[in-house]
PDB file of N, CA and C in Angstrom:
ATOM      1  N   MET A   1      99.461 219.143 -10.410  1.00  0.00           N
ATOM      2  CA  MET A   1      99.098 220.063  -9.363  1.00  0.00           C
ATOM      3  C   MET A   1      99.871 219.674  -8.107  1.00  0.00           C
ATOM      4  N   LYS A   2     100.462 220.659  -7.491  1.00  0.00           N
ATOM      5  CA  LYS A   2     101.155 220.466  -6.222  1.00  0.00           C
ATOM      6  C   LYS A   2     100.195 220.889  -5.124  1.00  0.00           C
ATOM      7  N   VAL A   3      99.962 219.984  -4.165  1.00  0.00           N
ATOM      8  CA  VAL A   3      99.075 220.262  -3.046  1.00  0.00           C
ATOM      9  C   VAL A   3      99.905 220.235  -1.770  1.00  0.00           C
ATOM     10  N   VAL A   4      99.816 221.309  -0.989  1.00  0.00           N
ATOM     11  CA  VAL A   4     100.574 221.419   0.258  1.00  0.00           C
ATOM     12  C   VAL A   4      99.590 221.678   1.393  1.00  0.00           C
ATOM     13  N   LYS A   5      99.679 220.867   2.426  1.00  0.00           N
ATOM     14  CA  LYS A   5      98.799 221.056   3.580  1.00  0.00           C
ATOM     15  C   LYS A   5      99.255 222.271   4.387  1.00  0.00           C
ATOM     16  N   LYS A   6      98.338 223.196   4.622  1.00  0.00           N
ATOM     17  CA  LYS A   6      98.650 224.401   5.399  1.00  0.00           C
ATOM     18  C   LYS A   6      99.169 224.036   6.787  1.00  0.00           C
ATOM     19  N   GLU A   7      98.551 223.047   7.406  1.00  0.00           N
ATOM     20  CA  GLU A   7      98.948 222.619   8.752  1.00  0.00           C
ATOM     21  C   GLU A   7     100.418 222.205   8.788  1.00  0.00           C
ATOM     22  N   LEU A   8     100.863 221.471   7.760  1.00  0.00           N
ATOM     23  CA  LEU A   8     102.257 221.026   7.692  1.00  0.00           C
ATOM     24  C   LEU A   8     103.209 222.207   7.495  1.00  0.00           C
ATOM     25  N   VAL A   9     102.822 223.156   6.648  1.00  0.00           N
ATOM     26  CA  VAL A   9     103.649 224.347   6.407  1.00  0.00           C
ATOM     27  C   VAL A   9     103.856 225.113   7.711  1.00  0.00           C
ATOM     28  N   ILE A  10     102.786 225.283   8.472  1.00  0.00           N
ATOM     29  CA  ILE A  10     102.870 226.017   9.730  1.00  0.00           C
ATOM     30  C   ILE A  10     103.667 225.215  10.760  1.00  0.00           C
ATOM     31  N   LYS A  11     103.386 223.926  10.850  1.00  0.00           N
ATOM     32  CA  LYS A  11     104.046 223.056  11.831  1.00  0.00           C
ATOM     33  C   LYS A  11     105.557 222.990  11.622  1.00  0.00           C
ATOM     34  N   THR A  12     105.997 222.971  10.366  1.00  0.00           N
ATOM     35  CA  THR A  12     107.429 222.854  10.050  1.00  0.00           C
ATOM     36  C   THR A  12     108.078 224.212   9.790  1.00  0.00           C
ATOM     37  N   ASP A  13     107.342 225.294  10.047  1.00  0.00           N
ATOM     38  CA  ASP A  13     107.854 226.652   9.892  1.00  0.00           C
ATOM     39  C   ASP A  13     108.410 226.900   8.480  1.00  0.00           C
ATOM     40  N   GLN A  14     107.636 226.501   7.463  1.00  0.00           N
ATOM     41  CA  GLN A  14     108.057 226.641   6.075  1.00  0.00           C
ATOM     42  C   GLN A  14     107.284 227.710   5.302  1.00  0.00           C
ATOM     43  N   MET A  15     106.616 228.601   6.019  1.00  0.00           N
ATOM     44  CA  MET A  15     105.804 229.619   5.347  1.00  0.00           C
ATOM     45  C   MET A  15     106.636 230.486   4.407  1.00  0.00           C
ATOM     46  N   ALA A  16     107.794 230.930   4.869  1.00  0.00           N
ATOM     47  CA  ALA A  16     108.650 231.775   4.025  1.00  0.00           C
ATOM     48  C   ALA A  16     109.091 231.011   2.771  1.00  0.00           C
ATOM     49  N   GLY A  17     109.420 229.735   2.924  1.00  0.00           N
ATOM     50  CA  GLY A  17     109.855 228.924   1.787  1.00  0.00           C
ATOM     51  C   GLY A  17     108.762 228.744   0.746  1.00  0.00           C
ATOM     52  N   ILE A  18     107.544 228.508   1.203  1.00  0.00           N
ATOM     53  CA  ILE A  18     106.411 228.351   0.279  1.00  0.00           C
ATOM     54  C   ILE A  18     106.132 229.671  -0.439  1.00  0.00           C
ATOM     55  N   GLN A  19     106.239 230.781   0.276  1.00  0.00           N
ATOM     56  CA  GLN A  19     106.014 232.086  -0.350  1.00  0.00           C
ATOM     57  C   GLN A  19     107.073 232.371  -1.414  1.00  0.00           C
ATOM     58  N   VAL A  20     108.322 232.037  -1.137  1.00  0.00           N
ATOM     59  CA  VAL A  20     109.397 232.235  -2.113  1.00  0.00           C
ATOM     60  C   VAL A  20     109.176 231.334  -3.331  1.00  0.00           C
ATOM     61  N   GLU A  21     108.821 230.067  -3.088  1.00  0.00           N
ATOM     62  CA  GLU A  21     108.545 229.154  -4.202  1.00  0.00           C
ATOM     63  C   GLU A  21     107.427 229.702  -5.072  1.00  0.00           C
ATOM     64  N   HIS A  22     106.370 230.199  -4.462  1.00  0.00           N
ATOM     65  CA  HIS A  22     105.247 230.764  -5.216  1.00  0.00           C
ATOM     66  C   HIS A  22     105.703 231.955  -6.061  1.00  0.00           C
ATOM     67  N   GLU A  23     106.475 232.852  -5.480  1.00  0.00           N
ATOM     68  CA  GLU A  23     106.965 234.025  -6.204  1.00  0.00           C
ATOM     69  C   GLU A  23     107.853 233.630  -7.383  1.00  0.00           C
ATOM     70  N   ILE A  24     108.752 232.680  -7.160  1.00  0.00           N
ATOM     71  CA  ILE A  24     109.642 232.235  -8.237  1.00  0.00           C
ATOM     72  C   ILE A  24     108.839 231.625  -9.374  1.00  0.00           C
ATOM     73  N   LEU A  25     107.921 230.724  -9.039  1.00  0.00           N
ATOM     74  CA  LEU A  25     107.126 230.072 -10.081  1.00  0.00           C
ATOM     75  C   LEU A  25     106.227 231.065 -10.811  1.00  0.00           C
ATOM     76  N   ARG A  26     105.751 232.074 -10.106  1.00  0.00           N
ATOM     77  CA  ARG A  26     104.870 233.074 -10.716  1.00  0.00           C
ATOM     78  C   ARG A  26     105.626 233.983 -11.679  1.00  0.00           C
ATOM     79  N   LYS A  27     106.861 234.320 -11.334  1.00  0.00           N
ATOM     80  CA  LYS A  27     107.616 235.314 -12.103  1.00  0.00           C
ATOM     81  C   LYS A  27     108.423 234.743 -13.265  1.00  0.00           C
ATOM     82  N   PHE A  28     108.965 233.545 -13.111  1.00  0.00           N
ATOM     83  CA  PHE A  28     109.910 233.040 -14.092  1.00  0.00           C
ATOM     84  C   PHE A  28     109.236 232.540 -15.354  1.00  0.00           C
ATOM     85  N   ASP A  29     109.869 232.818 -16.470  1.00  0.00           N
ATOM     86  CA  ASP A  29     109.474 232.279 -17.766  1.00  0.00           C
ATOM     87  C   ASP A  29     110.754 231.783 -18.414  1.00  0.00           C
ATOM     88  N   HIS A  30     111.060 230.532 -18.156  1.00  0.00           N
ATOM     89  CA  HIS A  30     112.320 229.950 -18.610  1.00  0.00           C
ATOM     90  C   HIS A  30     112.056 228.513 -19.065  1.00  0.00           C
ATOM     91  N   PRO A  31     112.702 228.070 -20.135  1.00  0.00           N
ATOM     92  CA  PRO A  31     112.417 226.720 -20.648  1.00  0.00           C
ATOM     93  C   PRO A  31     112.793 225.596 -19.687  1.00  0.00           C
ATOM     94  N   PHE A  32     113.652 225.838 -18.704  1.00  0.00           N
ATOM     95  CA  PHE A  32     114.059 224.789 -17.772  1.00  0.00           C
ATOM     96  C   PHE A  32     113.304 224.848 -16.451  1.00  0.00           C
ATOM     97  N   ILE A  33     112.377 225.780 -16.310  1.00  0.00           N
ATOM     98  CA  ILE A  33     111.578 225.893 -15.096  1.00  0.00           C
ATOM     99  C   ILE A  33     110.107 225.701 -15.461  1.00  0.00           C
ATOM    100  N   MET A  34     109.460 224.759 -14.773  1.00  0.00           N
ATOM    101  CA  MET A  34     108.059 224.470 -15.017  1.00  0.00           C
ATOM    102  C   MET A  34     107.217 225.709 -14.720  1.00  0.00           C
ATOM    103  N   LYS A  35     106.279 226.000 -15.580  1.00  0.00           N
ATOM    104  CA  LYS A  35     105.433 227.178 -15.411  1.00  0.00           C
ATOM    105  C   LYS A  35     104.256 226.874 -14.472  1.00  0.00           C
ATOM    106  N   MET A  36     103.934 227.832 -13.620  1.00  0.00           N
ATOM    107  CA  MET A  36     102.754 227.716 -12.779  1.00  0.00           C
ATOM    108  C   MET A  36     101.607 228.391 -13.519  1.00  0.00           C
ATOM    109  N   VAL A  37     100.544 227.643 -13.745  1.00  0.00           N
ATOM    110  CA  VAL A  37      99.385 228.162 -14.462  1.00  0.00           C
ATOM    111  C   VAL A  37      98.552 229.047 -13.542  1.00  0.00           C
ATOM    112  N   CYS A  38      98.317 228.579 -12.317  1.00  0.00           N
ATOM    113  CA  CYS A  38      97.591 229.370 -11.327  1.00  0.00           C
ATOM    114  C   CYS A  38      97.828 228.768  -9.947  1.00  0.00           C
ATOM    115  N   SER A  39      97.402 229.476  -8.939  1.00  0.00           N
ATOM    116  CA  SER A  39      97.481 228.967  -7.571  1.00  0.00           C
ATOM    117  C   SER A  39      96.238 229.412  -6.821  1.00  0.00           C
ATOM    118  N   PHE A  40      95.844 228.608  -5.854  1.00  0.00           N
ATOM    119  CA  PHE A  40      94.691 228.948  -5.024  1.00  0.00           C
ATOM    120  C   PHE A  40      94.797 228.169  -3.726  1.00  0.00           C
ATOM    121  N   HIS A  41      93.882 228.440  -2.796  1.00  0.00           N
ATOM    122  CA  HIS A  41      93.889 227.733  -1.528  1.00  0.00           C
ATOM    123  C   HIS A  41      92.470 227.567  -1.007  1.00  0.00           C
ATOM    124  N   ASP A  42      92.324 226.611  -0.112  1.00  0.00           N
ATOM    125  CA  ASP A  42      91.062 226.455   0.607  1.00  0.00           C
ATOM    126  C   ASP A  42      91.394 226.438   2.095  1.00  0.00           C
ATOM    127  N   ALA A  43      90.501 225.974   2.911  1.00  0.00           N
ATOM    128  CA  ALA A  43      90.704 226.012   4.358  1.00  0.00           C
ATOM    129  C   ALA A  43      91.869 225.150   4.828  1.00  0.00           C
ATOM    130  N   THR A  44      92.213 224.097   4.080  1.00  0.00           N
ATOM    131  CA  THR A  44      93.241 223.165   4.545  1.00  0.00           C
ATOM    132  C   THR A  44      94.486 223.057   3.668  1.00  0.00           C
ATOM    133  N   ASN A  45      94.390 223.419   2.403  1.00  0.00           N
ATOM    134  CA  ASN A  45      95.501 223.191   1.472  1.00  0.00           C
ATOM    135  C   ASN A  45      95.839 224.413   0.634  1.00  0.00           C
ATOM    136  N   LEU A  46      97.094 224.418   0.133  1.00  0.00           N
ATOM    137  CA  LEU A  46      97.552 225.350  -0.893  1.00  0.00           C
ATOM    138  C   LEU A  46      97.691 224.542  -2.173  1.00  0.00           C
ATOM    139  N   TYR A  47      97.323 225.109  -3.303  1.00  0.00           N
ATOM    140  CA  TYR A  47      97.381 224.403  -4.579  1.00  0.00           C
ATOM    141  C   TYR A  47      98.191 225.231  -5.572  1.00  0.00           C
ATOM    142  N   PHE A  48      99.179 224.588  -6.211  1.00  0.00           N
ATOM    143  CA  PHE A  48      99.929 225.196  -7.301  1.00  0.00           C
ATOM    144  C   PHE A  48      99.619 224.358  -8.544  1.00  0.00           C
ATOM    145  N   VAL A  49      98.939 224.932  -9.510  1.00  0.00           N
ATOM    146  CA  VAL A  49      98.617 224.229 -10.749  1.00  0.00           C
ATOM    147  C   VAL A  49      99.747 224.503 -11.730  1.00  0.00           C
ATOM    148  N   MET A  50     100.444 223.439 -12.120  1.00  0.00           N
ATOM    149  CA  MET A  50     101.634 223.554 -12.965  1.00  0.00           C
ATOM    150  C   MET A  50     101.354 222.987 -14.357  1.00  0.00           C
ATOM    151  N   GLU A  51     102.158 223.404 -15.318  1.00  0.00           N
ATOM    152  CA  GLU A  51     102.060 222.799 -16.636  1.00  0.00           C
ATOM    153  C   GLU A  51     102.505 221.337 -16.524  1.00  0.00           C
ATOM    154  N   PHE A  52     101.971 220.482 -17.377  1.00  0.00           N
ATOM    155  CA  PHE A  52     102.340 219.068 -17.361  1.00  0.00           C
ATOM    156  C   PHE A  52     103.620 218.864 -18.153  1.00  0.00           C
ATOM    157  N   ILE A  53     104.568 218.197 -17.532  1.00  0.00           N
ATOM    158  CA  ILE A  53     105.796 217.822 -18.223  1.00  0.00           C
ATOM    159  C   ILE A  53     105.999 216.334 -17.989  1.00  0.00           C
ATOM    160  N   ASN A  54     105.961 215.568 -19.054  1.00  0.00           N
ATOM    161  CA  ASN A  54     106.096 214.120 -18.957  1.00  0.00           C
ATOM    162  C   ASN A  54     107.513 213.738 -18.546  1.00  0.00           C
ATOM    163  N   GLY A  55     107.644 212.771 -17.674  1.00  0.00           N
ATOM    164  CA  GLY A  55     108.965 212.300 -17.293  1.00  0.00           C
ATOM    165  C   GLY A  55     109.164 212.220 -15.795  1.00  0.00           C
ATOM    166  N   GLY A  56     108.306 212.811 -15.035  1.00  0.00           N
ATOM    167  CA  GLY A  56     108.384 212.695 -13.587  1.00  0.00           C
ATOM    168  C   GLY A  56     109.197 213.792 -12.933  1.00  0.00           C
ATOM    169  N   GLU A  57     109.204 213.744 -11.637  1.00  0.00           N
ATOM    170  CA  GLU A  57     109.890 214.744 -10.834  1.00  0.00           C
ATOM    171  C   GLU A  57     111.390 214.474 -10.811  1.00  0.00           C
ATOM    172  N   LEU A  58     112.190 215.506 -10.938  1.00  0.00           N
ATOM    173  CA  LEU A  58     113.645 215.371 -10.953  1.00  0.00           C
ATOM    174  C   LEU A  58     114.155 214.708  -9.681  1.00  0.00           C
ATOM    175  N   PHE A  59     113.601 215.075  -8.527  1.00  0.00           N
ATOM    176  CA  PHE A  59     114.049 214.493  -7.262  1.00  0.00           C
ATOM    177  C   PHE A  59     113.900 212.983  -7.279  1.00  0.00           C
ATOM    178  N   TYR A  60     112.813 212.467  -7.872  1.00  0.00           N
ATOM    179  CA  TYR A  60     112.606 211.020  -7.976  1.00  0.00           C
ATOM    180  C   TYR A  60     113.740 210.374  -8.765  1.00  0.00           C
ATOM    181  N   HIS A  61     114.121 210.973  -9.888  1.00  0.00           N
ATOM    182  CA  HIS A  61     115.169 210.410 -10.743  1.00  0.00           C
ATOM    183  C   HIS A  61     116.540 210.479 -10.060  1.00  0.00           C
ATOM    184  N   ILE A  62     116.806 211.543  -9.341  1.00  0.00           N
ATOM    185  CA  ILE A  62     118.073 211.661  -8.602  1.00  0.00           C
ATOM    186  C   ILE A  62     118.142 210.583  -7.529  1.00  0.00           C
ATOM    187  N   LYS A  63     117.041 210.380  -6.830  1.00  0.00           N
ATOM    188  CA  LYS A  63     116.985 209.376  -5.767  1.00  0.00           C
ATOM    189  C   LYS A  63     117.214 207.969  -6.324  1.00  0.00           C
ATOM    190  N   GLN A  64     116.646 207.693  -7.483  1.00  0.00           N
ATOM    191  CA  GLN A  64     116.783 206.374  -8.110  1.00  0.00           C
ATOM    192  C   GLN A  64     118.201 206.139  -8.625  1.00  0.00           C
ATOM    193  N   ALA A  65     118.765 207.127  -9.298  1.00  0.00           N
ATOM    194  CA  ALA A  65     120.055 206.965  -9.967  1.00  0.00           C
ATOM    195  C   ALA A  65     121.225 207.148  -9.000  1.00  0.00           C
ATOM    196  N   LYS A  66     121.040 207.895  -7.940  1.00  0.00           N
ATOM    197  CA  LYS A  66     122.079 208.244  -6.968  1.00  0.00           C
ATOM    198  C   LYS A  66     123.181 209.130  -7.570  1.00  0.00           C
ATOM    199  N   LYS A  67     123.474 208.935  -8.853  1.00  0.00           N
ATOM    200  CA  LYS A  67     124.537 209.696  -9.515  1.00  0.00           C
ATOM    201  C   LYS A  67     124.263 209.691 -11.016  1.00  0.00           C
ATOM    202  N   PHE A  68     124.421 210.832 -11.656  1.00  0.00           N
ATOM    203  CA  PHE A  68     124.249 210.933 -13.102  1.00  0.00           C
ATOM    204  C   PHE A  68     125.630 211.040 -13.756  1.00  0.00           C
ATOM    205  N   ASN A  69     125.747 210.433 -14.922  1.00  0.00           N
ATOM    206  CA  ASN A  69     126.988 210.569 -15.699  1.00  0.00           C
ATOM    207  C   ASN A  69     126.930 211.877 -16.481  1.00  0.00           C
ATOM    208  N   GLU A  70     128.073 212.526 -16.617  1.00  0.00           N
ATOM    209  CA  GLU A  70     128.128 213.729 -17.431  1.00  0.00           C
ATOM    210  C   GLU A  70     128.146 213.313 -18.894  1.00  0.00           C
ATOM    211  N   VAL A  71     127.396 214.042 -19.699  1.00  0.00           N
ATOM    212  CA  VAL A  71     127.322 213.707 -21.124  1.00  0.00           C
ATOM    213  C   VAL A  71     127.962 214.802 -21.916  1.00  0.00           C
TER     214      VAL A  71
END
């Protein structure tokens, strides 16, 4: 589950970006894009419930490796 604080979205002027991310995740059905099961919000947070994919976040692996070899 991805949890985003509404206050941070507003403070950093990222509302349009979050809306686009939500639309993309809602519409796409592709084997290389994680599926969003549902989304909801409360007074303080936005929640994107995603399918579980073992292996971690791609950004984490890019940050660790700095560079990937082509295979």
